[in-house]
């Protein structure tokens, strides 16, 4: 059966998603759970063209397999890459650590800081954790999530806690200056 590919490809654009799913099952021999119409059209068009014009040659398939086997896959960090500091790297529990370099955004307070905010007459305190924020016994991934829980509507967390963030950043700057002077 000679199939007019161009006409078939044009016809695909007029089909609804259920019809495309049926055509997909017919061509690929298995049903699809995908409901993304543009994706289905592309996959069906590819199959129609591959059936009419021929699929990849065996040589092309072998070359693709070789390239996939030769792909450099890094299993370890490069030599000389900075290693994250952990508590176990400290010399001993008796030695105090003068300064701690934390690779966090400068606008985020250090872990252990407490942010205070009064909203509608109620005072809220948020403790900054290494990975998240704790408010009223519940841990949140971001300040925006905390602000959302407090207000019931979407807020930018940094703006909601702006005054507290300014105080915390001043404390952070004075801590860093004191640590540099001590070393």
C-alpha atoms as a PDB file:
ATOM      1  CA  UNK A   1       0.000   0.000   0.000  1.00  0.00           C
ATOM      2  CA  UNK A   2       1.504   3.289  -1.096  1.00  0.00           C
ATOM      3  CA  UNK A   3       1.000   5.835   1.630  1.00  0.00           C
ATOM      4  CA  UNK A   4       0.948   9.519   0.808  1.00  0.00           C
ATOM      5  CA  UNK A   5       3.032  10.765   3.763  1.00  0.00           C
ATOM      6  CA  UNK A   6       2.391  14.439   3.163  1.00  0.00           C
ATOM      7  CA  UNK A   7      -1.386  14.002   3.158  1.00  0.00           C
ATOM      8  CA  UNK A   8      -1.238  11.757   6.227  1.00  0.00           C
ATOM      9  CA  UNK A   9       0.864  14.302   8.145  1.00  0.00           C
ATOM     10  CA  UNK A  10      -1.629  17.058   7.294  1.00  0.00           C
ATOM     11  CA  UNK A  11      -4.481  14.842   8.459  1.00  0.00           C
ATOM     12  CA  UNK A  12      -2.765  14.283  11.837  1.00  0.00           C
ATOM     13  CA  UNK A  13      -3.182  17.985  12.590  1.00  0.00           C
ATOM     14  CA  UNK A  14      -6.965  17.669  12.335  1.00  0.00           C
ATOM     15  CA  UNK A  15      -7.305  14.672  14.670  1.00  0.00           C
ATOM     16  CA  UNK A  16      -8.383  15.007  18.294  1.00  0.00           C
ATOM     17  CA  UNK A  17      -6.319  13.522  21.126  1.00  0.00           C
ATOM     18  CA  UNK A  18      -8.370  10.284  21.494  1.00  0.00           C
ATOM     19  CA  UNK A  19      -8.040   9.675  17.749  1.00  0.00           C
ATOM     20  CA  UNK A  20      -4.289  10.325  17.943  1.00  0.00           C
ATOM     21  CA  UNK A  21      -3.988   7.874  20.830  1.00  0.00           C
ATOM     22  CA  UNK A  22      -5.786   5.231  18.764  1.00  0.00           C
ATOM     23  CA  UNK A  23      -3.506   5.894  15.781  1.00  0.00           C
ATOM     24  CA  UNK A  24      -0.470   5.669  18.085  1.00  0.00           C
ATOM     25  CA  UNK A  25      -1.616   2.279  19.384  1.00  0.00           C
ATOM     26  CA  UNK A  26      -2.151   1.113  15.810  1.00  0.00           C
ATOM     27  CA  UNK A  27       1.344   2.175  14.688  1.00  0.00           C
ATOM     28  CA  UNK A  28       3.381   1.276  17.774  1.00  0.00           C
ATOM     29  CA  UNK A  29       1.457  -1.830  18.813  1.00  0.00           C
ATOM     30  CA  UNK A  30       0.868  -0.568  22.353  1.00  0.00           C
ATOM     31  CA  UNK A  31      -1.376   2.049  23.945  1.00  0.00           C
ATOM     32  CA  UNK A  32      -0.032   5.327  25.276  1.00  0.00           C
ATOM     33  CA  UNK A  33      -0.980   7.147  28.455  1.00  0.00           C
ATOM     34  CA  UNK A  34       0.204  10.433  26.974  1.00  0.00           C
ATOM     35  CA  UNK A  35      -2.442  13.081  26.354  1.00  0.00           C
ATOM     36  CA  UNK A  36      -0.053  15.693  24.974  1.00  0.00           C
ATOM     37  CA  UNK A  37      -1.417  16.288  21.476  1.00  0.00           C
ATOM     38  CA  UNK A  38       1.718  17.919  19.920  1.00  0.00           C
ATOM     39  CA  UNK A  39       3.897  15.113  21.276  1.00  0.00           C
ATOM     40  CA  UNK A  40       1.579  12.438  19.880  1.00  0.00           C
ATOM     41  CA  UNK A  41       1.587  14.129  16.479  1.00  0.00           C
ATOM     42  CA  UNK A  42       5.406  14.207  16.434  1.00  0.00           C
ATOM     43  CA  UNK A  43       5.749  10.566  17.489  1.00  0.00           C
ATOM     44  CA  UNK A  44       3.173   9.370  14.941  1.00  0.00           C
ATOM     45  CA  UNK A  45       4.756  11.492  12.193  1.00  0.00           C
ATOM     46  CA  UNK A  46       8.165  10.031  13.012  1.00  0.00           C
ATOM     47  CA  UNK A  47       6.814   6.476  12.838  1.00  0.00           C
ATOM     48  CA  UNK A  48       5.014   7.112   9.542  1.00  0.00           C
ATOM     49  CA  UNK A  49       8.156   8.579   7.992  1.00  0.00           C
ATOM     50  CA  UNK A  50      10.375   5.818   9.391  1.00  0.00           C
ATOM     51  CA  UNK A  51       8.039   3.163   7.985  1.00  0.00           C
ATOM     52  CA  UNK A  52       7.853   4.859   4.573  1.00  0.00           C
ATOM     53  CA  UNK A  53      11.477   5.986   4.174  1.00  0.00           C
ATOM     54  CA  UNK A  54      13.207   3.389   6.301  1.00  0.00           C
ATOM     55  CA  UNK A  55      14.541   3.507   9.824  1.00  0.00           C
ATOM     56  CA  UNK A  56      18.150   4.044  10.889  1.00  0.00           C
ATOM     57  CA  UNK A  57      20.651   1.817   9.144  1.00  0.00           C
ATOM     58  CA  UNK A  58      22.375  -0.899  11.136  1.00  0.00           C
ATOM     59  CA  UNK A  59      25.643   1.038  10.813  1.00  0.00           C
ATOM     60  CA  UNK A  60      24.016   4.155  12.284  1.00  0.00           C
ATOM     61  CA  UNK A  61      22.586   2.114  15.156  1.00  0.00           C
ATOM     62  CA  UNK A  62      26.022   0.636  15.910  1.00  0.00           C
ATOM     63  CA  UNK A  63      27.652   4.073  15.818  1.00  0.00           C
ATOM     64  CA  UNK A  64      25.034   5.469  18.215  1.00  0.00           C
ATOM     65  CA  UNK A  65      25.683   2.562  20.595  1.00  0.00           C
ATOM     66  CA  UNK A  66      29.444   3.222  20.419  1.00  0.00           C
ATOM     67  CA  UNK A  67      28.951   6.889  21.198  1.00  0.00           C
ATOM     68  CA  UNK A  68      26.720   6.035  24.126  1.00  0.00           C
ATOM     69  CA  UNK A  69      29.332   3.601  25.496  1.00  0.00           C
ATOM     70  CA  UNK A  70      32.162   6.115  25.115  1.00  0.00           C
ATOM     71  CA  UNK A  71      30.310   8.946  26.832  1.00  0.00           C
ATOM     72  CA  UNK A  72      32.347  10.296  29.723  1.00  0.00           C
ATOM     73  CA  UNK A  73      30.404   9.757  32.865  1.00  0.00           C
ATOM     74  CA  UNK A  74      31.889  11.477  35.886  1.00  0.00           C
ATOM     75  CA  UNK A  75      31.541   9.267  38.938  1.00  0.00           C
ATOM     76  CA  UNK A  76      33.765  11.395  41.201  1.00  0.00           C
ATOM     77  CA  UNK A  77      34.319  15.100  41.616  1.00  0.00           C
ATOM     78  CA  UNK A  78      37.323  16.493  39.725  1.00  0.00           C
ATOM     79  CA  UNK A  79      40.636  16.595  41.563  1.00  0.00           C
ATOM     80  CA  UNK A  80      41.122  19.941  43.259  1.00  0.00           C
ATOM     81  CA  UNK A  81      37.411  20.699  43.562  1.00  0.00           C
ATOM     82  CA  UNK A  82      36.576  22.300  46.909  1.00  0.00           C
ATOM     83  CA  UNK A  83      35.258  19.820  49.407  1.00  0.00           C
ATOM     84  CA  UNK A  84      32.258  20.810  51.532  1.00  0.00           C
ATOM     85  CA  UNK A  85      33.166  21.357  55.166  1.00  0.00           C
ATOM     86  CA  UNK A  86      31.513  19.049  57.642  1.00  0.00           C
ATOM     87  CA  UNK A  87      31.465  18.959  61.409  1.00  0.00           C
ATOM     88  CA  UNK A  88      33.650  15.836  61.382  1.00  0.00           C
ATOM     89  CA  UNK A  89      36.431  17.907  59.736  1.00  0.00           C
ATOM     90  CA  UNK A  90      36.879  19.915  62.964  1.00  0.00           C
ATOM     91  CA  UNK A  91      40.109  19.032  64.814  1.00  0.00           C
ATOM     92  CA  UNK A  92      38.350  18.069  68.052  1.00  0.00           C
ATOM     93  CA  UNK A  93      35.264  19.037  70.016  1.00  0.00           C
ATOM     94  CA  UNK A  94      37.429  21.064  72.437  1.00  0.00           C
ATOM     95  CA  UNK A  95      38.612  23.492  69.745  1.00  0.00           C
ATOM     96  CA  UNK A  96      36.357  26.403  68.873  1.00  0.00           C
ATOM     97  CA  UNK A  97      35.859  27.245  65.241  1.00  0.00           C
ATOM     98  CA  UNK A  98      36.608  30.925  64.642  1.00  0.00           C
ATOM     99  CA  UNK A  99      34.772  31.329  61.356  1.00  0.00           C
ATOM    100  CA  UNK A 100      32.546  29.195  59.242  1.00  0.00           C
ATOM    101  CA  UNK A 101      32.248  29.707  55.519  1.00  0.00           C
ATOM    102  CA  UNK A 102      28.779  28.784  54.389  1.00  0.00           C
ATOM    103  CA  UNK A 103      27.922  28.760  50.711  1.00  0.00           C
ATOM    104  CA  UNK A 104      24.492  30.328  51.130  1.00  0.00           C
ATOM    105  CA  UNK A 105      23.030  33.391  49.547  1.00  0.00           C
ATOM    106  CA  UNK A 106      24.140  36.494  51.421  1.00  0.00           C
ATOM    107  CA  UNK A 107      20.549  37.613  51.874  1.00  0.00           C
ATOM    108  CA  UNK A 108      19.601  34.461  53.800  1.00  0.00           C
ATOM    109  CA  UNK A 109      20.370  34.565  57.525  1.00  0.00           C
ATOM    110  CA  UNK A 110      22.698  31.984  59.023  1.00  0.00           C
ATOM    111  CA  UNK A 111      21.210  28.796  60.471  1.00  0.00           C
ATOM    112  CA  UNK A 112      20.205  29.331  64.076  1.00  0.00           C
ATOM    113  CA  UNK A 113      19.044  32.909  63.481  1.00  0.00           C
ATOM    114  CA  UNK A 114      15.544  33.845  64.569  1.00  0.00           C
ATOM    115  CA  UNK A 115      13.351  36.099  62.484  1.00  0.00           C
ATOM    116  CA  UNK A 116      10.476  37.910  64.168  1.00  0.00           C
ATOM    117  CA  UNK A 117       7.365  39.295  62.511  1.00  0.00           C
ATOM    118  CA  UNK A 118       4.077  40.580  63.892  1.00  0.00           C
ATOM    119  CA  UNK A 119       1.105  39.961  61.636  1.00  0.00           C
ATOM    120  CA  UNK A 120      -2.447  41.005  62.528  1.00  0.00           C
ATOM    121  CA  UNK A 121      -1.507  41.437  66.181  1.00  0.00           C
ATOM    122  CA  UNK A 122       0.183  38.040  66.555  1.00  0.00           C
ATOM    123  CA  UNK A 123       3.962  37.668  66.902  1.00  0.00           C
ATOM    124  CA  UNK A 124       5.602  34.940  64.850  1.00  0.00           C
ATOM    125  CA  UNK A 125       9.144  33.651  65.262  1.00  0.00           C
ATOM    126  CA  UNK A 126      10.928  31.736  62.521  1.00  0.00           C
ATOM    127  CA  UNK A 127      14.120  29.798  63.204  1.00  0.00           C
ATOM    128  CA  UNK A 128      16.499  29.481  60.263  1.00  0.00           C
ATOM    129  CA  UNK A 129      17.587  25.852  59.813  1.00  0.00           C
ATOM    130  CA  UNK A 130      20.424  24.550  57.608  1.00  0.00           C
ATOM    131  CA  UNK A 131      17.803  23.374  55.119  1.00  0.00           C
ATOM    132  CA  UNK A 132      14.583  25.236  55.719  1.00  0.00           C
ATOM    133  CA  UNK A 133      12.734  27.324  58.256  1.00  0.00           C
ATOM    134  CA  UNK A 134      10.808  26.359  61.374  1.00  0.00           C
ATOM    135  CA  UNK A 135       7.699  28.250  62.433  1.00  0.00           C
ATOM    136  CA  UNK A 136       5.345  27.115  65.202  1.00  0.00           C
ATOM    137  CA  UNK A 137       6.849  23.631  65.247  1.00  0.00           C
ATOM    138  CA  UNK A 138       6.503  23.028  61.503  1.00  0.00           C
ATOM    139  CA  UNK A 139       9.406  23.000  59.026  1.00  0.00           C
ATOM    140  CA  UNK A 140       9.039  24.805  55.692  1.00  0.00           C
ATOM    141  CA  UNK A 141      11.312  24.731  52.649  1.00  0.00           C
ATOM    142  CA  UNK A 142      11.280  28.492  52.070  1.00  0.00           C
ATOM    143  CA  UNK A 143      10.418  31.790  53.710  1.00  0.00           C
ATOM    144  CA  UNK A 144       7.678  32.213  51.124  1.00  0.00           C
ATOM    145  CA  UNK A 145       6.059  29.000  52.363  1.00  0.00           C
ATOM    146  CA  UNK A 146       6.207  30.340  55.933  1.00  0.00           C
ATOM    147  CA  UNK A 147       4.657  33.651  54.860  1.00  0.00           C
ATOM    148  CA  UNK A 148       1.960  31.758  52.963  1.00  0.00           C
ATOM    149  CA  UNK A 149       1.138  29.672  56.045  1.00  0.00           C
ATOM    150  CA  UNK A 150       0.926  32.791  58.226  1.00  0.00           C
ATOM    151  CA  UNK A 151      -1.109  34.984  55.884  1.00  0.00           C
ATOM    152  CA  UNK A 152      -3.060  32.419  53.891  1.00  0.00           C
ATOM    153  CA  UNK A 153      -2.001  34.101  50.649  1.00  0.00           C
ATOM    154  CA  UNK A 154       1.121  34.156  48.500  1.00  0.00           C
ATOM    155  CA  UNK A 155       3.896  36.427  49.724  1.00  0.00           C
ATOM    156  CA  UNK A 156       7.522  36.862  48.809  1.00  0.00           C
ATOM    157  CA  UNK A 157       9.162  35.557  51.985  1.00  0.00           C
ATOM    158  CA  UNK A 158      12.046  38.032  51.891  1.00  0.00           C
ATOM    159  CA  UNK A 159       9.598  40.941  51.620  1.00  0.00           C
ATOM    160  CA  UNK A 160       7.298  39.594  54.318  1.00  0.00           C
ATOM    161  CA  UNK A 161      10.227  39.258  56.733  1.00  0.00           C
ATOM    162  CA  UNK A 162      12.108  42.307  55.340  1.00  0.00           C
ATOM    163  CA  UNK A 163      12.656  44.089  58.677  1.00  0.00           C
ATOM    164  CA  UNK A 164      13.783  40.894  60.396  1.00  0.00           C
ATOM    165  CA  UNK A 165      16.082  40.099  57.454  1.00  0.00           C
ATOM    166  CA  UNK A 166      17.737  43.537  57.722  1.00  0.00           C
ATOM    167  CA  UNK A 167      18.469  42.969  61.414  1.00  0.00           C
ATOM    168  CA  UNK A 168      19.754  39.438  60.752  1.00  0.00           C
ATOM    169  CA  UNK A 169      22.009  40.621  57.907  1.00  0.00           C
ATOM    170  CA  UNK A 170      23.496  43.340  60.167  1.00  0.00           C
ATOM    171  CA  UNK A 171      24.181  40.691  62.812  1.00  0.00           C
ATOM    172  CA  UNK A 172      25.731  38.457  60.163  1.00  0.00           C
ATOM    173  CA  UNK A 173      28.006  41.251  58.923  1.00  0.00           C
ATOM    174  CA  UNK A 174      29.177  42.072  62.446  1.00  0.00           C
ATOM    175  CA  UNK A 175      29.828  38.359  63.102  1.00  0.00           C
ATOM    176  CA  UNK A 176      31.914  38.060  59.931  1.00  0.00           C
ATOM    177  CA  UNK A 177      33.899  41.214  60.730  1.00  0.00           C
ATOM    178  CA  UNK A 178      34.533  39.912  64.278  1.00  0.00           C
ATOM    179  CA  UNK A 179      35.644  36.538  62.959  1.00  0.00           C
ATOM    180  CA  UNK A 180      38.054  38.127  60.478  1.00  0.00           C
ATOM    181  CA  UNK A 181      39.532  40.353  63.194  1.00  0.00           C
ATOM    182  CA  UNK A 182      40.020  37.331  65.469  1.00  0.00           C
ATOM    183  CA  UNK A 183      41.957  35.377  62.829  1.00  0.00           C
END
